[in-house]
Amino acid sequence: MHRRLNLIVRPLKSMPMPARVILATLLLVGGIFGALPILGFWMIPLGLLILSLDFRWARRGYLGIILWFRRRKNHAKTKPAEAAKTAQRRGG
């Protein structure tokens, strides 16, 4: 994951800060209209990622999104295993 993220972040660091802020703002605003074609909810984490290069509050928001996805992923992995254990205990 870090390698893919580096491919996005490295070129952005060479951009001037005002350009990054404008790009990130456009992505966040476009992400609000996520139900429309082309625009999508994928734009919100990308906008926060770009803002997190310059602002601490955005870094906290972006890390919060990453942790939320990891918790969901881990919960989905453990759910079938827990169901199997419960079935074994019940004798089924």
PDB file of N, CA and C in Angstrom:
ATOM      1  N   MET A   1       0.815  -1.191   0.000  1.00  0.00           N
ATOM      2  CA  MET A   1       0.000   0.000   0.000  1.00  0.00           C
ATOM      3  C   MET A   1       0.858   1.254   0.000  1.00  0.00           C
ATOM      4  N   HIS A   2       1.958   1.235   0.743  1.00  0.00           N
ATOM      5  CA  HIS A   2       2.796   2.422   0.837  1.00  0.00           C
ATOM      6  C   HIS A   2       3.429   2.771  -0.504  1.00  0.00           C
ATOM      7  N   ARG A   3       3.760   1.771  -1.307  1.00  0.00           N
ATOM      8  CA  ARG A   3       4.361   2.048  -2.613  1.00  0.00           C
ATOM      9  C   ARG A   3       3.370   2.761  -3.525  1.00  0.00           C
ATOM     10  N   ARG A   4       2.123   2.290  -3.534  1.00  0.00           N
ATOM     11  CA  ARG A   4       1.099   2.935  -4.364  1.00  0.00           C
ATOM     12  C   ARG A   4       0.837   4.358  -3.894  1.00  0.00           C
ATOM     13  N   LEU A   5       0.819   4.537  -2.593  1.00  0.00           N
ATOM     14  CA  LEU A   5       0.590   5.859  -2.031  1.00  0.00           C
ATOM     15  C   LEU A   5       1.745   6.798  -2.378  1.00  0.00           C
ATOM     16  N   ASN A   6       2.957   6.271  -2.371  1.00  0.00           N
ATOM     17  CA  ASN A   6       4.119   7.072  -2.741  1.00  0.00           C
ATOM     18  C   ASN A   6       4.046   7.533  -4.192  1.00  0.00           C
ATOM     19  N   LEU A   7       3.490   6.713  -5.070  1.00  0.00           N
ATOM     20  CA  LEU A   7       3.353   7.110  -6.467  1.00  0.00           C
ATOM     21  C   LEU A   7       2.433   8.319  -6.623  1.00  0.00           C
ATOM     22  N   ILE A   8       1.489   8.471  -5.719  1.00  0.00           N
ATOM     23  CA  ILE A   8       0.580   9.615  -5.761  1.00  0.00           C
ATOM     24  C   ILE A   8       1.213  10.829  -5.082  1.00  0.00           C
ATOM     25  N   VAL A   9       1.846  10.605  -3.933  1.00  0.00           N
ATOM     26  CA  VAL A   9       2.336  11.708  -3.112  1.00  0.00           C
ATOM     27  C   VAL A   9       3.581  12.365  -3.695  1.00  0.00           C
ATOM     28  N   ARG A  10       4.484  11.596  -4.250  1.00  0.00           N
ATOM     29  CA  ARG A  10       5.757  12.154  -4.723  1.00  0.00           C
ATOM     30  C   ARG A  10       5.567  13.284  -5.746  1.00  0.00           C
ATOM     31  N   PRO A  11       4.763  13.110  -6.803  1.00  0.00           N
ATOM     32  CA  PRO A  11       4.589  14.223  -7.743  1.00  0.00           C
ATOM     33  C   PRO A  11       3.861  15.422  -7.122  1.00  0.00           C
ATOM     34  N   LEU A  12       3.001  15.163  -6.148  1.00  0.00           N
ATOM     35  CA  LEU A  12       2.257  16.252  -5.522  1.00  0.00           C
ATOM     36  C   LEU A  12       3.154  17.146  -4.680  1.00  0.00           C
ATOM     37  N   LYS A  13       4.193  16.569  -4.094  1.00  0.00           N
ATOM     38  CA  LYS A  13       5.093  17.369  -3.263  1.00  0.00           C
ATOM     39  C   LYS A  13       5.856  18.400  -4.082  1.00  0.00           C
ATOM     40  N   SER A  14       6.022  18.141  -5.371  1.00  0.00           N
ATOM     41  CA  SER A  14       6.747  19.091  -6.215  1.00  0.00           C
ATOM     42  C   SER A  14       5.870  20.258  -6.660  1.00  0.00           C
ATOM     43  N   MET A  15       4.548  20.134  -6.480  1.00  0.00           N
ATOM     44  CA  MET A  15       3.632  21.219  -6.829  1.00  0.00           C
ATOM     45  C   MET A  15       3.700  22.312  -5.770  1.00  0.00           C
ATOM     46  N   PRO A  16       3.461  23.561  -6.172  1.00  0.00           N
ATOM     47  CA  PRO A  16       3.403  24.614  -5.147  1.00  0.00           C
ATOM     48  C   PRO A  16       2.187  24.424  -4.237  1.00  0.00           C
ATOM     49  N   MET A  17       2.314  24.872  -3.002  1.00  0.00           N
ATOM     50  CA  MET A  17       1.260  24.665  -2.009  1.00  0.00           C
ATOM     51  C   MET A  17      -0.100  25.211  -2.449  1.00  0.00           C
ATOM     52  N   PRO A  18      -0.195  26.424  -2.987  1.00  0.00           N
ATOM     53  CA  PRO A  18      -1.529  26.909  -3.392  1.00  0.00           C
ATOM     54  C   PRO A  18      -2.193  26.017  -4.450  1.00  0.00           C
ATOM     55  N   ALA A  19      -1.405  25.472  -5.350  1.00  0.00           N
ATOM     56  CA  ALA A  19      -1.967  24.586  -6.375  1.00  0.00           C
ATOM     57  C   ALA A  19      -2.494  23.302  -5.741  1.00  0.00           C
ATOM     58  N   ARG A  20      -1.766  22.770  -4.748  1.00  0.00           N
ATOM     59  CA  ARG A  20      -2.224  21.566  -4.056  1.00  0.00           C
ATOM     60  C   ARG A  20      -3.521  21.825  -3.309  1.00  0.00           C
ATOM     61  N   VAL A  21      -3.623  22.980  -2.661  1.00  0.00           N
ATOM     62  CA  VAL A  21      -4.822  23.309  -1.892  1.00  0.00           C
ATOM     63  C   VAL A  21      -6.019  23.455  -2.826  1.00  0.00           C
ATOM     64  N   ILE A  22      -5.825  24.095  -3.964  1.00  0.00           N
ATOM     65  CA  ILE A  22      -6.920  24.256  -4.931  1.00  0.00           C
ATOM     66  C   ILE A  22      -7.359  22.902  -5.464  1.00  0.00           C
ATOM     67  N   LEU A  23      -6.393  22.055  -5.832  1.00  0.00           N
ATOM     68  CA  LEU A  23      -6.719  20.722  -6.343  1.00  0.00           C
ATOM     69  C   LEU A  23      -7.472  19.906  -5.299  1.00  0.00           C
ATOM     70  N   ALA A  24      -6.996  19.945  -4.066  1.00  0.00           N
ATOM     71  CA  ALA A  24      -7.642  19.189  -2.994  1.00  0.00           C
ATOM     72  C   ALA A  24      -9.059  19.697  -2.730  1.00  0.00           C
ATOM     73  N   THR A  25      -9.238  21.008  -2.761  1.00  0.00           N
ATOM     74  CA  THR A  25     -10.571  21.583  -2.546  1.00  0.00           C
ATOM     75  C   THR A  25     -11.527  21.151  -3.641  1.00  0.00           C
ATOM     76  N   LEU A  26     -11.056  21.162  -4.878  1.00  0.00           N
ATOM     77  CA  LEU A  26     -11.908  20.708  -5.991  1.00  0.00           C
ATOM     78  C   LEU A  26     -12.281  19.239  -5.836  1.00  0.00           C
ATOM     79  N   LEU A  27     -11.343  18.423  -5.398  1.00  0.00           N
ATOM     80  CA  LEU A  27     -11.640  17.005  -5.185  1.00  0.00           C
ATOM     81  C   LEU A  27     -12.659  16.811  -4.063  1.00  0.00           C
ATOM     82  N   LEU A  28     -12.508  17.569  -2.981  1.00  0.00           N
ATOM     83  CA  LEU A  28     -13.456  17.446  -1.872  1.00  0.00           C
ATOM     84  C   LEU A  28     -14.856  17.897  -2.277  1.00  0.00           C
ATOM     85  N   VAL A  29     -14.935  18.992  -3.003  1.00  0.00           N
ATOM     86  CA  VAL A  29     -16.240  19.478  -3.450  1.00  0.00           C
ATOM     87  C   VAL A  29     -16.857  18.485  -4.436  1.00  0.00           C
ATOM     88  N   GLY A  30     -16.057  17.945  -5.329  1.00  0.00           N
ATOM     89  CA  GLY A  30     -16.561  16.944  -6.266  1.00  0.00           C
ATOM     90  C   GLY A  30     -16.990  15.675  -5.564  1.00  0.00           C
ATOM     91  N   GLY A  31     -16.319  15.336  -4.470  1.00  0.00           N
ATOM     92  CA  GLY A  31     -16.674  14.137  -3.717  1.00  0.00           C
ATOM     93  C   GLY A  31     -18.017  14.246  -3.026  1.00  0.00           C
ATOM     94  N   ILE A  32     -18.453  15.474  -2.756  1.00  0.00           N
ATOM     95  CA  ILE A  32     -19.765  15.664  -2.135  1.00  0.00           C
ATOM     96  C   ILE A  32     -20.864  15.168  -3.072  1.00  0.00           C
ATOM     97  N   PHE A  33     -20.634  15.303  -4.368  1.00  0.00           N
ATOM     98  CA  PHE A  33     -21.615  14.866  -5.363  1.00  0.00           C
ATOM     99  C   PHE A  33     -21.288  13.444  -5.829  1.00  0.00           C
ATOM    100  N   GLY A  34     -21.008  12.561  -4.900  1.00  0.00           N
ATOM    101  CA  GLY A  34     -20.545  11.217  -5.192  1.00  0.00           C
ATOM    102  C   GLY A  34     -21.528  10.341  -5.938  1.00  0.00           C
ATOM    103  N   ALA A  35     -22.799  10.675  -5.891  1.00  0.00           N
ATOM    104  CA  ALA A  35     -23.792   9.838  -6.563  1.00  0.00           C
ATOM    105  C   ALA A  35     -23.847  10.116  -8.063  1.00  0.00           C
ATOM    106  N   LEU A  36     -23.216  11.182  -8.502  1.00  0.00           N
ATOM    107  CA  LEU A  36     -23.237  11.523  -9.920  1.00  0.00           C
ATOM    108  C   LEU A  36     -22.179  10.720 -10.679  1.00  0.00           C
ATOM    109  N   PRO A  37     -22.371  10.525 -11.987  1.00  0.00           N
ATOM    110  CA  PRO A  37     -21.356   9.818 -12.773  1.00  0.00           C
ATOM    111  C   PRO A  37     -20.039  10.601 -12.797  1.00  0.00           C
ATOM    112  N   ILE A  38     -18.954   9.898 -12.892  1.00  0.00           N
ATOM    113  CA  ILE A  38     -17.575  10.398 -12.920  1.00  0.00           C
ATOM    114  C   ILE A  38     -17.172  10.940 -11.549  1.00  0.00           C
ATOM    115  N   LEU A  39     -17.941  11.871 -11.005  1.00  0.00           N
ATOM    116  CA  LEU A  39     -17.654  12.341  -9.657  1.00  0.00           C
ATOM    117  C   LEU A  39     -17.989  11.206  -8.706  1.00  0.00           C
ATOM    118  N   GLY A  40     -17.252  11.074  -7.660  1.00  0.00           N
ATOM    119  CA  GLY A  40     -17.545   9.966  -6.760  1.00  0.00           C
ATOM    120  C   GLY A  40     -16.982  10.189  -5.384  1.00  0.00           C
ATOM    121  N   PHE A  41     -17.367   9.306  -4.480  1.00  0.00           N
ATOM    122  CA  PHE A  41     -16.902   9.405  -3.113  1.00  0.00           C
ATOM    123  C   PHE A  41     -15.405   9.124  -3.005  1.00  0.00           C
ATOM    124  N   TRP A  42     -14.799   8.536  -4.029  1.00  0.00           N
ATOM    125  CA  TRP A  42     -13.362   8.285  -4.040  1.00  0.00           C
ATOM    126  C   TRP A  42     -12.567   9.588  -4.009  1.00  0.00           C
ATOM    127  N   MET A  43     -13.214  10.685  -4.363  1.00  0.00           N
ATOM    128  CA  MET A  43     -12.516  11.968  -4.421  1.00  0.00           C
ATOM    129  C   MET A  43     -12.250  12.544  -3.032  1.00  0.00           C
ATOM    130  N   ILE A  44     -13.056  12.180  -2.049  1.00  0.00           N
ATOM    131  CA  ILE A  44     -12.896  12.735  -0.700  1.00  0.00           C
ATOM    132  C   ILE A  44     -11.581  12.271  -0.054  1.00  0.00           C
ATOM    133  N   PRO A  45     -11.277  10.962  -0.016  1.00  0.00           N
ATOM    134  CA  PRO A  45      -9.991  10.561   0.570  1.00  0.00           C
ATOM    135  C   PRO A  45      -8.792  11.111  -0.209  1.00  0.00           C
ATOM    136  N   LEU A  46      -8.920  11.209  -1.516  1.00  0.00           N
ATOM    137  CA  LEU A  46      -7.811  11.747  -2.307  1.00  0.00           C
ATOM    138  C   LEU A  46      -7.595  13.227  -1.995  1.00  0.00           C
ATOM    139  N   GLY A  47      -8.681  13.970  -1.857  1.00  0.00           N
ATOM    140  CA  GLY A  47      -8.561  15.380  -1.480  1.00  0.00           C
ATOM    141  C   GLY A  47      -7.944  15.549  -0.107  1.00  0.00           C
ATOM    142  N   LEU A  48      -8.357  14.707   0.852  1.00  0.00           N
ATOM    143  CA  LEU A  48      -7.763  14.767   2.192  1.00  0.00           C
ATOM    144  C   LEU A  48      -6.294  14.371   2.169  1.00  0.00           C
ATOM    145  N   LEU A  49      -5.940  13.416   1.324  1.00  0.00           N
ATOM    146  CA  LEU A  49      -4.542  13.020   1.203  1.00  0.00           C
ATOM    147  C   LEU A  49      -3.699  14.195   0.737  1.00  0.00           C
ATOM    148  N   ILE A  50      -4.177  14.918  -0.254  1.00  0.00           N
ATOM    149  CA  ILE A  50      -3.419  16.054  -0.773  1.00  0.00           C
ATOM    150  C   ILE A  50      -3.332  17.161   0.278  1.00  0.00           C
ATOM    151  N   LEU A  51      -4.433  17.431   0.972  1.00  0.00           N
ATOM    152  CA  LEU A  51      -4.397  18.448   2.024  1.00  0.00           C
ATOM    153  C   LEU A  51      -3.509  18.027   3.194  1.00  0.00           C
ATOM    154  N   SER A  52      -3.401  16.721   3.438  1.00  0.00           N
ATOM    155  CA  SER A  52      -2.614  16.247   4.575  1.00  0.00           C
ATOM    156  C   SER A  52      -1.123  16.513   4.392  1.00  0.00           C
ATOM    157  N   LEU A  53      -0.711  16.818   3.180  1.00  0.00           N
ATOM    158  CA  LEU A  53       0.690  17.170   2.968  1.00  0.00           C
ATOM    159  C   LEU A  53       1.019  18.511   3.618  1.00  0.00           C
ATOM    160  N   ASP A  54       0.017  19.370   3.778  1.00  0.00           N
ATOM    161  CA  ASP A  54       0.258  20.720   4.283  1.00  0.00           C
ATOM    162  C   ASP A  54      -0.414  21.035   5.615  1.00  0.00           C
ATOM    163  N   PHE A  55      -1.501  20.337   5.947  1.00  0.00           N
ATOM    164  CA  PHE A  55      -2.281  20.698   7.127  1.00  0.00           C
ATOM    165  C   PHE A  55      -2.460  19.516   8.064  1.00  0.00           C
ATOM    166  N   ARG A  56      -2.222  19.761   9.350  1.00  0.00           N
ATOM    167  CA  ARG A  56      -2.316  18.700  10.353  1.00  0.00           C
ATOM    168  C   ARG A  56      -3.756  18.210  10.515  1.00  0.00           C
ATOM    169  N   TRP A  57      -4.751  19.100  10.478  1.00  0.00           N
ATOM    170  CA  TRP A  57      -6.145  18.691  10.666  1.00  0.00           C
ATOM    171  C   TRP A  57      -6.579  17.737   9.556  1.00  0.00           C
ATOM    172  N   ALA A  58      -6.074  17.957   8.340  1.00  0.00           N
ATOM    173  CA  ALA A  58      -6.423  17.061   7.240  1.00  0.00           C
ATOM    174  C   ALA A  58      -5.718  15.712   7.408  1.00  0.00           C
ATOM    175  N   ARG A  59      -4.526  15.743   7.966  1.00  0.00           N
ATOM    176  CA  ARG A  59      -3.791  14.493   8.198  1.00  0.00           C
ATOM    177  C   ARG A  59      -4.557  13.623   9.174  1.00  0.00           C
ATOM    178  N   ARG A  60      -5.123  14.249  10.221  1.00  0.00           N
ATOM    179  CA  ARG A  60      -5.924  13.495  11.182  1.00  0.00           C
ATOM    180  C   ARG A  60      -7.166  12.908  10.516  1.00  0.00           C
ATOM    181  N   GLY A  61      -7.819  13.688   9.657  1.00  0.00           N
ATOM    182  CA  GLY A  61      -9.006  13.193   8.955  1.00  0.00           C
ATOM    183  C   GLY A  61      -8.680  12.056   8.020  1.00  0.00           C
ATOM    184  N   TYR A  62      -7.564  12.174   7.308  1.00  0.00           N
ATOM    185  CA  TYR A  62      -7.172  11.129   6.378  1.00  0.00           C
ATOM    186  C   TYR A  62      -6.806   9.850   7.119  1.00  0.00           C
ATOM    187  N   LEU A  63      -6.062   9.990   8.219  1.00  0.00           N
ATOM    188  CA  LEU A  63      -5.706   8.804   8.992  1.00  0.00           C
ATOM    189  C   LEU A  63      -6.939   8.164   9.605  1.00  0.00           C
ATOM    190  N   GLY A  64      -7.919   8.974   9.976  1.00  0.00           N
ATOM    191  CA  GLY A  64      -9.180   8.433  10.493  1.00  0.00           C
ATOM    192  C   GLY A  64      -9.892   7.581   9.451  1.00  0.00           C
ATOM    193  N   ILE A  65      -9.878   8.039   8.198  1.00  0.00           N
ATOM    194  CA  ILE A  65     -10.499   7.267   7.122  1.00  0.00           C
ATOM    195  C   ILE A  65      -9.760   5.955   6.902  1.00  0.00           C
ATOM    196  N   ILE A  66      -8.429   5.997   6.930  1.00  0.00           N
ATOM    197  CA  ILE A  66      -7.634   4.774   6.751  1.00  0.00           C
ATOM    198  C   ILE A  66      -7.940   3.781   7.869  1.00  0.00           C
ATOM    199  N   LEU A  67      -7.983   4.258   9.119  1.00  0.00           N
ATOM    200  CA  LEU A  67      -8.273   3.363  10.241  1.00  0.00           C
ATOM    201  C   LEU A  67      -9.677   2.787  10.145  1.00  0.00           C
ATOM    202  N   TRP A  68     -10.633   3.583   9.695  1.00  0.00           N
ATOM    203  CA  TRP A  68     -11.998   3.099   9.543  1.00  0.00           C
ATOM    204  C   TRP A  68     -12.064   1.964   8.526  1.00  0.00           C
ATOM    205  N   PHE A  69     -11.359   2.130   7.375  1.00  0.00           N
ATOM    206  CA  PHE A  69     -11.340   1.077   6.368  1.00  0.00           C
ATOM    207  C   PHE A  69     -10.643  -0.171   6.886  1.00  0.00           C
ATOM    208  N   ARG A  70      -9.565  -0.003   7.631  1.00  0.00           N
ATOM    209  CA  ARG A  70      -8.860  -1.176   8.173  1.00  0.00           C
ATOM    210  C   ARG A  70      -9.731  -1.933   9.164  1.00  0.00           C
ATOM    211  N   ARG A  71     -10.463  -1.188  10.022  1.00  0.00           N
ATOM    212  CA  ARG A  71     -11.350  -1.852  10.968  1.00  0.00           C
ATOM    213  C   ARG A  71     -12.440  -2.630  10.251  1.00  0.00           C
ATOM    214  N   ARG A  72     -12.999  -2.043   9.202  1.00  0.00           N
ATOM    215  CA  ARG A  72     -14.036  -2.739   8.432  1.00  0.00           C
ATOM    216  C   ARG A  72     -13.466  -3.985   7.774  1.00  0.00           C
ATOM    217  N   LYS A  73     -12.259  -3.866   7.238  1.00  0.00           N
ATOM    218  CA  LYS A  73     -11.618  -4.997   6.570  1.00  0.00           C
ATOM    219  C   LYS A  73     -11.335  -6.116   7.573  1.00  0.00           C
ATOM    220  N   ASN A  74     -10.783  -5.766   8.731  1.00  0.00           N
ATOM    221  CA  ASN A  74     -10.492  -6.768   9.762  1.00  0.00           C
ATOM    222  C   ASN A  74     -11.769  -7.391  10.303  1.00  0.00           C
ATOM    223  N   HIS A  75     -12.811  -6.587  10.450  1.00  0.00           N
ATOM    224  CA  HIS A  75     -14.087  -7.108  10.936  1.00  0.00           C
ATOM    225  C   HIS A  75     -14.678  -8.101   9.937  1.00  0.00           C
ATOM    226  N   ALA A  76     -14.543  -7.806   8.649  1.00  0.00           N
ATOM    227  CA  ALA A  76     -15.066  -8.710   7.616  1.00  0.00           C
ATOM    228  C   ALA A  76     -14.288 -10.023   7.599  1.00  0.00           C
ATOM    229  N   LYS A  77     -12.991  -9.957   7.901  1.00  0.00           N
ATOM    230  CA  LYS A  77     -12.180 -11.178   7.915  1.00  0.00           C
ATOM    231  C   LYS A  77     -12.513 -12.047   9.122  1.00  0.00           C
ATOM    232  N   THR A  78     -12.751 -11.423  10.267  1.00  0.00           N
ATOM    233  CA  THR A  78     -12.981 -12.202  11.478  1.00  0.00           C
ATOM    234  C   THR A  78     -14.415 -12.687  11.592  1.00  0.00           C
ATOM    235  N   LYS A  79     -15.330 -12.069  10.914  1.00  0.00           N
ATOM    236  CA  LYS A  79     -16.740 -12.439  11.027  1.00  0.00           C
ATOM    237  C   LYS A  79     -16.999 -13.893  10.621  1.00  0.00           C
ATOM    238  N   PRO A  80     -16.523 -14.384   9.452  1.00  0.00           N
ATOM    239  CA  PRO A  80     -16.762 -15.793   9.103  1.00  0.00           C
ATOM    240  C   PRO A  80     -16.100 -16.753  10.089  1.00  0.00           C
ATOM    241  N   ALA A  81     -14.926 -16.413  10.595  1.00  0.00           N
ATOM    242  CA  ALA A  81     -14.239 -17.286  11.537  1.00  0.00           C
ATOM    243  C   ALA A  81     -15.033 -17.387  12.844  1.00  0.00           C
ATOM    244  N   GLU A  82     -15.572 -16.251  13.310  1.00  0.00           N
ATOM    245  CA  GLU A  82     -16.374 -16.270  14.525  1.00  0.00           C
ATOM    246  C   GLU A  82     -17.651 -17.071  14.329  1.00  0.00           C
ATOM    247  N   ALA A  83     -18.259 -16.973  13.167  1.00  0.00           N
ATOM    248  CA  ALA A  83     -19.479 -17.724  12.882  1.00  0.00           C
ATOM    249  C   ALA A  83     -19.197 -19.226  12.889  1.00  0.00           C
ATOM    250  N   ALA A  84     -18.057 -19.635  12.365  1.00  0.00           N
ATOM    251  CA  ALA A  84     -17.686 -21.048  12.340  1.00  0.00           C
ATOM    252  C   ALA A  84     -17.465 -21.562  13.772  1.00  0.00           C
ATOM    253  N   LYS A  85     -16.821 -20.753  14.618  1.00  0.00           N
ATOM    254  CA  LYS A  85     -16.593 -21.162  16.014  1.00  0.00           C
ATOM    255  C   LYS A  85     -17.930 -21.297  16.750  1.00  0.00           C
ATOM    256  N   THR A  86     -18.818 -20.378  16.524  1.00  0.00           N
ATOM    257  CA  THR A  86     -20.125 -20.413  17.184  1.00  0.00           C
ATOM    258  C   THR A  86     -20.894 -21.661  16.725  1.00  0.00           C
ATOM    259  N   ALA A  87     -20.821 -21.991  15.458  1.00  0.00           N
ATOM    260  CA  ALA A  87     -21.511 -23.172  14.941  1.00  0.00           C
ATOM    261  C   ALA A  87     -20.934 -24.446  15.543  1.00  0.00           C
ATOM    262  N   GLN A  88     -19.622 -24.480  15.751  1.00  0.00           N
ATOM    263  CA  GLN A  88     -18.991 -25.654  16.354  1.00  0.00           C
ATOM    264  C   GLN A  88     -19.434 -25.817  17.800  1.00  0.00           C
ATOM    265  N   ARG A  89     -19.542 -24.699  18.517  1.00  0.00           N
ATOM    266  CA  ARG A  89     -19.962 -24.765  19.913  1.00  0.00           C
ATOM    267  C   ARG A  89     -21.401 -25.240  20.043  1.00  0.00           C
ATOM    268  N   ARG A  90     -22.219 -24.856  19.100  1.00  0.00           N
ATOM    269  CA  ARG A  90     -23.633 -25.240  19.139  1.00  0.00           C
ATOM    270  C   ARG A  90     -23.842 -26.685  18.659  1.00  0.00           C
ATOM    271  N   GLY A  91     -22.802 -27.229  18.063  1.00  0.00           N
ATOM    272  CA  GLY A  91     -22.906 -28.608  17.594  1.00  0.00           C
ATOM    273  C   GLY A  91     -23.435 -28.705  16.172  1.00  0.00           C
ATOM    274  N   GLY A  92     -23.309 -27.611  15.395  1.00  0.00           N
ATOM    275  CA  GLY A  92     -23.860 -27.601  14.048  1.00  0.00           C
ATOM    276  C   GLY A  92     -22.884 -27.546  13.017  1.00  0.00           C
TER     277      GLY A  92
END
